[in-house]
Amino acid sequence: MGRSLNELLVKAAVDPDALGRLLTEPEAAMAAAGVDESDRELMRTGDVRPLLAQLWDSFSKTLPAEQQPEADYWKENPHPAVAAPHGSLTVVGTGVRSVGQLTVEAISQIKRADRVFYLVAEPVAAQVIRTLNPAGSQSLADLYKEGKLRGRTYREMVERILASVRCGWRTCAVFYGHPGVFVRPAHEAIRQARAEGFEAEMLAGVSAEDCLFADLGLDPATSGCQSYEATDFLINRRRVDPTSHLILWQVGVLGDPTFSLTVRKCNAFELLVKSLSKTYPLEHSLCVYEAAVLPGCKPLVRWVPLGQIGEAHLSIISTLYVPPSEPPRFDPELYVALS
């Protein structure tokens, strides 16, 4: 993959005009950017997985041989403009699709930060961040290790971010999607920073739930909406309202406390089916959903019967949507009393 497609996507993430051209006239936009035919064909297919694989491979070749030093660097090199720690923390999100969903507010925070720590799910977002702040950007992805407990990784992320704040740097932490939705280290970093007397804030982003509402045509106002992390849903025996929408997050890593790039083979899905079948019939259709992460690509929307969840080929980013199986229980007397 040549640099032209990467550069086109990075520009579209921060330039509304470039994004508009790419969305409305993709062939003309790619031709003007000098994108070669093989890369154009990848974009035409709209198949996100091989496209992302190519983009990651191309992006990795642009990185320096060694990543910037970790937390010890910030301890040994305090901000030269301050005599005492007066650092700050701003946490922002890239949106699920950084090309088009990265807000102007988030862009400004990334650009003006002394140090930027990022954890993103696709390579264009990483390139955008390093383009906006080439001198101060560092990935947090190296803290993940196959089989390592996610809780330990999150604590290490928080410590790396706070080490920068304590040294007086204006620090920005960037996370995939909405930084406050299923991003434990973002909340913990803000909590600790504030407890230590530093200014800390979070800016809203576009989450996978926002994309799901748009792609599936759902309005939580019509039936209400229940939203749970899948493992939490099971082990805490959450009560289900069959007249409401139900969203189960991280269903692909159900019951797995470690980091893994593959879905673990276990009996967790049988337990999930058993739990849900107490409320829904086994033939009730559920949706396996994954938001589109690049422009021109389609979201994954696959409907399967409840009894066949284990055969649905889930990925680690799959979300499970369960539509209502019963109509609302309307109370006419209460309606009259409210009038």
Protein backbone atom coordinates (compact mmCIF):
# COMPACT_ATOMS: atom_id res chain seq x y z
CA MET A 1 0.00 0.00 0.00
CA GLY A 2 1.38 3.40 -1.00
CA ARG A 3 1.45 6.50 1.13
CA SER A 4 -1.19 8.24 -0.98
CA LEU A 5 -4.20 6.39 0.47
CA ASN A 6 -2.92 6.85 4.02
CA GLU A 7 -2.38 10.56 3.42
CA LEU A 8 -5.84 10.92 1.83
CA LEU A 9 -7.54 9.33 4.84
CA VAL A 10 -5.52 11.32 7.37
CA LYS A 11 -6.40 14.56 5.57
CA ALA A 12 -10.08 13.58 5.42
CA ALA A 13 -10.07 13.09 9.20
CA VAL A 14 -9.20 16.73 9.87
CA ASP A 15 -10.40 18.56 6.75
CA PRO A 16 -14.21 18.64 6.23
CA ASP A 17 -13.85 19.53 2.56
CA ALA A 18 -11.54 16.59 1.93
CA LEU A 19 -13.93 14.30 3.79
CA GLY A 20 -16.87 15.57 1.74
CA ARG A 21 -15.04 14.87 -1.52
CA LEU A 22 -14.07 11.37 -0.38
CA LEU A 23 -17.65 10.51 0.63
CA THR A 24 -19.44 12.00 -2.39
CA GLU A 25 -16.85 11.49 -5.15
CA PRO A 26 -14.53 8.74 -3.91
CA GLU A 27 -13.04 7.91 -7.33
CA ALA A 28 -12.21 11.54 -8.09
CA ALA A 29 -10.80 12.08 -4.60
CA MET A 30 -8.56 9.02 -4.85
CA ALA A 31 -7.41 9.96 -8.35
CA ALA A 32 -6.52 13.51 -7.26
CA ALA A 33 -4.55 12.10 -4.31
CA GLY A 34 -2.59 9.74 -6.56
CA VAL A 35 -3.95 6.55 -4.97
CA ASP A 36 -2.81 3.54 -7.01
CA GLU A 37 -5.26 1.09 -8.56
CA SER A 38 -4.71 -1.75 -6.09
CA ASP A 39 -5.51 0.54 -3.18
CA ARG A 40 -8.53 1.97 -4.99
CA GLU A 41 -9.85 -1.56 -5.44
CA LEU A 42 -9.48 -2.20 -1.71
CA MET A 43 -11.55 0.92 -1.01
CA ARG A 44 -14.19 -0.07 -3.58
CA THR A 45 -14.82 -3.44 -1.94
CA GLY A 46 -15.76 -1.81 1.35
CA ASP A 47 -14.31 -4.85 3.14
CA VAL A 48 -12.77 -3.31 6.22
CA ARG A 49 -10.58 -6.18 7.45
CA PRO A 50 -8.07 -6.49 4.57
CA LEU A 51 -8.10 -2.71 4.22
CA LEU A 52 -7.18 -2.23 7.88
CA ALA A 53 -4.49 -4.91 7.65
CA GLN A 54 -2.87 -3.05 4.76
CA LEU A 55 -3.15 0.31 6.52
CA TRP A 56 -1.58 -1.01 9.73
CA ASP A 57 1.29 -2.54 7.75
CA SER A 58 1.89 0.71 5.89
CA PHE A 59 1.66 2.81 9.07
CA SER A 60 4.07 0.60 11.00
CA LYS A 61 6.79 1.35 8.45
CA THR A 62 6.60 5.07 9.30
CA LEU A 63 7.26 4.63 13.02
CA PRO A 64 10.71 5.19 14.53
CA ALA A 65 12.74 2.12 15.40
CA GLU A 66 12.15 2.73 19.09
CA GLN A 67 9.07 4.17 20.70
CA GLN A 68 9.48 7.17 22.97
CA PRO A 69 10.57 6.25 26.52
CA GLU A 70 7.89 5.33 29.01
CA ALA A 71 6.94 6.82 32.38
CA ASP A 72 10.48 7.13 33.73
CA TYR A 73 11.26 9.63 30.98
CA TRP A 74 8.64 12.07 32.24
CA LYS A 75 9.92 11.77 35.81
CA GLU A 76 13.45 12.66 34.71
CA ASN A 77 12.42 15.41 32.29
CA PRO A 78 9.89 17.78 33.84
CA HIS A 79 8.32 20.52 31.76
CA PRO A 80 10.96 23.26 31.31
CA ALA A 81 8.42 26.07 31.65
CA VAL A 82 7.39 25.30 35.21
CA ALA A 83 9.24 25.06 38.50
CA ALA A 84 6.58 22.93 40.17
CA PRO A 85 4.05 20.46 38.73
CA HIS A 86 1.13 22.31 37.17
CA GLY A 87 0.22 19.72 34.61
CA SER A 88 -3.28 19.05 33.33
CA LEU A 89 -5.16 16.22 31.68
CA THR A 90 -7.72 16.29 28.90
CA VAL A 91 -9.22 13.00 27.72
CA VAL A 92 -10.74 12.91 24.23
CA GLY A 93 -12.12 10.33 21.80
CA THR A 94 -11.50 9.73 18.12
CA GLY A 95 -15.04 8.57 17.47
CA VAL A 96 -15.55 5.07 16.11
CA ARG A 97 -14.63 6.35 12.65
CA SER A 98 -11.89 8.93 13.10
CA VAL A 99 -12.30 10.02 9.48
CA GLY A 100 -15.35 12.22 10.02
CA GLN A 101 -16.04 11.73 13.73
CA LEU A 102 -12.96 13.33 15.28
CA THR A 103 -14.35 16.57 16.70
CA VAL A 104 -12.84 20.01 16.22
CA GLU A 105 -12.58 20.23 20.01
CA ALA A 106 -10.59 17.00 20.20
CA ILE A 107 -8.30 18.09 17.35
CA SER A 108 -7.47 21.33 19.13
CA GLN A 109 -6.62 19.51 22.37
CA ILE A 110 -4.35 17.01 20.60
CA LYS A 111 -2.51 19.79 18.76
CA ARG A 112 -1.89 21.99 21.79
CA ALA A 113 -0.83 19.24 24.21
CA ASP A 114 2.78 18.80 25.32
CA ARG A 115 2.31 15.04 25.50
CA VAL A 116 -0.32 12.85 23.82
CA PHE A 117 -0.98 9.24 24.79
CA TYR A 118 -3.27 7.30 22.49
CA LEU A 119 -5.01 3.93 22.27
CA VAL A 120 -6.94 3.47 19.04
CA ALA A 121 -8.43 0.60 17.06
CA GLU A 122 -7.41 1.52 13.52
CA PRO A 123 -4.27 2.91 11.90
CA VAL A 124 -5.73 6.06 10.35
CA ALA A 125 -6.56 7.39 13.82
CA ALA A 126 -2.98 6.73 14.94
CA GLN A 127 -1.59 8.54 11.90
CA VAL A 128 -3.95 11.48 12.43
CA ILE A 129 -2.80 11.85 16.04
CA ARG A 130 0.88 11.68 15.12
CA THR A 131 0.28 14.18 12.31
CA LEU A 132 -1.45 16.62 14.66
CA ASN A 133 1.24 16.27 17.33
CA PRO A 134 4.33 14.59 15.83
CA ALA A 135 6.76 15.43 18.63
CA GLY A 136 4.74 14.44 21.66
CA SER A 137 2.65 11.41 20.68
CA GLN A 138 3.09 7.95 22.19
CA SER A 139 0.94 4.85 21.84
CA LEU A 140 -0.32 2.95 24.87
CA ALA A 141 -0.83 -0.23 22.86
CA ASP A 142 2.55 -1.68 23.90
CA LEU A 143 1.12 -2.25 27.40
CA TYR A 144 -1.24 -4.92 26.04
CA LYS A 145 0.12 -8.47 25.98
CA GLU A 146 -1.64 -11.64 24.91
CA GLY A 147 -3.04 -13.35 28.00
CA LYS A 148 -2.24 -10.41 30.32
CA LEU A 149 -5.01 -9.35 32.69
CA ARG A 150 -6.74 -6.27 31.35
CA GLY A 151 -7.00 -4.77 34.84
CA ARG A 152 -3.22 -4.73 35.19
CA THR A 153 -2.83 -3.16 31.75
CA TYR A 154 -5.33 -0.42 32.62
CA ARG A 155 -3.44 0.45 35.81
CA GLU A 156 -0.20 0.76 33.84
CA MET A 157 -1.91 3.04 31.32
CA VAL A 158 -3.15 5.30 34.10
CA GLU A 159 0.28 5.48 35.67
CA ARG A 160 1.95 6.39 32.37
CA ILE A 161 -0.57 9.17 31.73
CA LEU A 162 -0.34 10.56 35.28
CA ALA A 163 3.46 10.50 35.28
CA SER A 164 3.31 13.07 32.49
CA VAL A 165 0.75 15.21 34.33
CA ARG A 166 2.81 15.15 37.55
CA CYS A 167 5.83 16.45 35.69
CA GLY A 168 3.92 19.56 34.63
CA TRP A 169 3.03 18.62 31.07
CA ARG A 170 -0.22 19.61 29.39
CA THR A 171 -1.30 16.02 28.72
CA CYS A 172 -3.93 14.67 26.34
CA ALA A 173 -5.12 11.04 26.41
CA VAL A 174 -6.89 9.87 23.26
CA PHE A 175 -9.08 6.77 23.17
CA TYR A 176 -11.11 5.02 20.50
CA GLY A 177 -14.80 5.96 20.27
CA HIS A 178 -16.23 7.91 23.20
CA PRO A 179 -13.51 8.14 25.87
CA GLY A 180 -16.01 7.60 28.66
CA VAL A 181 -17.75 4.52 27.24
CA PHE A 182 -16.07 1.24 28.26
CA VAL A 183 -12.74 3.00 28.82
CA ARG A 184 -11.83 2.31 32.44
CA PRO A 185 -8.34 3.92 32.31
CA ALA A 186 -9.84 7.21 31.09
CA HIS A 187 -12.13 7.53 34.10
CA GLU A 188 -9.47 6.36 36.54
CA ALA A 189 -6.84 8.76 35.17
CA ILE A 190 -9.23 11.71 35.59
CA ARG A 191 -10.22 10.59 39.08
CA GLN A 192 -6.62 10.26 40.25
CA ALA A 193 -5.51 13.50 38.59
CA ARG A 194 -8.27 15.46 40.32
CA ALA A 195 -7.50 13.75 43.65
CA GLU A 196 -3.91 14.97 43.33
CA GLY A 197 -5.00 18.54 42.63
CA PHE A 198 -4.59 18.67 38.86
CA GLU A 199 -7.12 19.99 36.36
CA ALA A 200 -8.68 17.13 34.44
CA GLU A 201 -11.63 16.92 32.04
CA MET A 202 -13.19 14.60 29.49
CA LEU A 203 -14.61 15.67 26.12
CA ALA A 204 -17.41 13.67 24.52
CA GLY A 205 -16.93 11.58 21.39
CA VAL A 206 -18.99 9.33 19.11
CA SER A 207 -19.47 5.88 20.62
CA ALA A 208 -20.35 2.52 19.07
CA GLU A 209 -23.79 2.89 20.65
CA ASP A 210 -24.35 6.14 18.73
CA CYS A 211 -23.40 4.34 15.52
CA LEU A 212 -25.66 1.40 16.37
CA PHE A 213 -28.67 3.69 16.85
CA ALA A 214 -27.99 5.25 13.44
CA ASP A 215 -27.18 2.07 11.51
CA LEU A 216 -30.05 -0.03 12.89
CA GLY A 217 -32.56 2.83 12.92
CA LEU A 218 -33.25 2.64 16.65
CA ASP A 219 -34.61 5.35 18.89
CA PRO A 220 -34.23 4.57 22.61
CA ALA A 221 -37.14 6.92 23.27
CA THR A 222 -39.63 4.52 21.69
CA SER A 223 -39.04 1.49 23.89
CA GLY A 224 -36.33 2.45 26.31
CA CYS A 225 -32.90 0.87 26.23
CA GLN A 226 -30.92 -1.42 28.52
CA SER A 227 -27.15 -1.51 28.04
CA TYR A 228 -24.74 -3.88 29.78
CA GLU A 229 -21.24 -5.25 29.41
CA ALA A 230 -21.85 -8.90 28.48
CA THR A 231 -19.87 -10.53 31.31
CA ASP A 232 -21.39 -8.13 33.85
CA PHE A 233 -24.82 -8.98 32.48
CA LEU A 234 -24.29 -12.67 33.22
CA ILE A 235 -22.45 -12.71 36.53
CA ASN A 236 -24.66 -10.06 38.13
CA ARG A 237 -27.87 -11.67 36.87
CA ARG A 238 -29.20 -8.45 35.39
CA ARG A 239 -32.96 -8.29 34.99
CA VAL A 240 -34.25 -7.97 31.43
CA ASP A 241 -37.31 -6.04 30.27
CA PRO A 242 -38.51 -7.80 27.07
CA THR A 243 -40.42 -4.66 26.01
CA SER A 244 -37.17 -2.68 25.76
CA HIS A 245 -34.08 -2.67 23.54
CA LEU A 246 -31.14 -4.61 25.01
CA ILE A 247 -27.50 -3.99 24.07
CA LEU A 248 -24.74 -6.33 25.27
CA TRP A 249 -21.20 -4.98 24.83
CA GLN A 250 -17.97 -6.95 24.39
CA VAL A 251 -19.86 -10.17 23.80
CA GLY A 252 -16.87 -11.51 21.85
CA VAL A 253 -14.71 -11.51 25.00
CA LEU A 254 -17.46 -12.85 27.26
CA GLY A 255 -15.96 -14.24 30.46
CA ASP A 256 -12.34 -13.48 29.47
CA PRO A 257 -10.49 -11.11 31.88
CA THR A 258 -7.32 -11.14 29.76
CA PHE A 259 -6.37 -9.38 26.55
CA SER A 260 -6.69 -11.47 23.42
CA LEU A 261 -7.09 -10.77 19.72
CA THR A 262 -9.24 -13.88 19.23
CA VAL A 263 -12.56 -15.03 20.64
CA ARG A 264 -11.97 -17.63 23.35
CA LYS A 265 -13.55 -21.04 22.82
CA CYS A 266 -15.55 -21.78 25.97
CA ASN A 267 -19.04 -22.46 27.26
CA ALA A 268 -19.75 -18.78 27.90
CA PHE A 269 -22.07 -18.48 24.91
CA GLU A 270 -24.10 -21.47 26.09
CA LEU A 271 -24.52 -19.73 29.44
CA LEU A 272 -25.56 -16.52 27.67
CA VAL A 273 -28.16 -18.35 25.59
CA LYS A 274 -29.47 -20.07 28.72
CA SER A 275 -29.79 -16.72 30.50
CA LEU A 276 -31.48 -14.90 27.63
CA SER A 277 -33.81 -17.82 26.87
CA LYS A 278 -35.51 -17.23 30.22
CA THR A 279 -36.90 -14.04 28.67
CA TYR A 280 -36.79 -14.54 24.90
CA PRO A 281 -37.76 -17.52 22.71
CA LEU A 282 -34.82 -19.37 21.11
CA GLU A 283 -36.01 -18.34 17.65
CA HIS A 284 -35.99 -14.62 18.56
CA SER A 285 -33.68 -12.78 16.14
CA LEU A 286 -30.67 -10.93 17.57
CA CYS A 287 -28.20 -8.71 15.74
CA VAL A 288 -24.44 -9.11 15.82
CA TYR A 289 -23.19 -5.58 15.14
CA GLU A 290 -19.86 -3.92 14.39
CA ALA A 291 -19.70 -0.23 13.44
CA ALA A 292 -17.87 0.80 10.26
CA VAL A 293 -14.46 2.26 11.08
CA LEU A 294 -13.54 3.70 7.67
CA PRO A 295 -15.48 5.84 5.16
CA GLY A 296 -17.02 3.85 2.33
CA CYS A 297 -17.16 0.67 4.43
CA LYS A 298 -20.41 -0.79 5.68
CA PRO A 299 -21.17 -1.77 9.26
CA LEU A 300 -21.46 -5.46 10.02
CA VAL A 301 -25.12 -6.28 10.65
CA ARG A 302 -25.82 -10.00 10.99
CA TRP A 303 -29.15 -11.32 12.32
CA VAL A 304 -29.16 -14.73 14.01
CA PRO A 305 -31.64 -16.67 16.17
CA LEU A 306 -30.92 -16.60 19.89
CA GLY A 307 -30.25 -20.33 19.90
CA GLN A 308 -27.43 -19.94 17.35
CA ILE A 309 -25.33 -17.20 19.00
CA GLY A 310 -22.45 -19.62 19.43
CA GLU A 311 -22.32 -20.14 15.65
CA ALA A 312 -22.40 -16.42 14.77
CA HIS A 313 -18.63 -15.95 14.21
CA LEU A 314 -18.22 -13.19 16.75
CA SER A 315 -15.12 -10.99 16.88
CA ILE A 316 -13.58 -9.21 19.87
CA ILE A 317 -15.38 -6.00 18.88
CA SER A 318 -18.84 -7.51 18.35
CA THR A 319 -21.86 -5.99 20.05
CA LEU A 320 -25.09 -7.94 20.49
CA TYR A 321 -28.41 -6.13 20.02
CA VAL A 322 -31.61 -7.80 21.25
CA PRO A 323 -34.83 -6.14 20.01
CA PRO A 324 -37.98 -6.15 22.14
CA SER A 325 -39.96 -9.38 22.04
CA GLU A 326 -43.13 -7.98 23.62
CA PRO A 327 -45.14 -4.75 23.20
CA PRO A 328 -45.11 -2.15 26.00
CA ARG A 329 -47.52 -2.75 28.86
CA PHE A 330 -49.69 0.34 28.51
CA ASP A 331 -51.55 1.51 31.64
CA PRO A 332 -54.60 3.56 30.51
CA GLU A 333 -55.54 4.58 34.04
CA LEU A 334 -52.09 5.99 34.72
CA TYR A 335 -52.16 7.71 31.33
CA VAL A 336 -55.42 9.46 32.27
CA ALA A 337 -53.99 10.43 35.67
CA LEU A 338 -51.05 12.09 33.95
CA SER A 339 -53.30 14.10 31.60
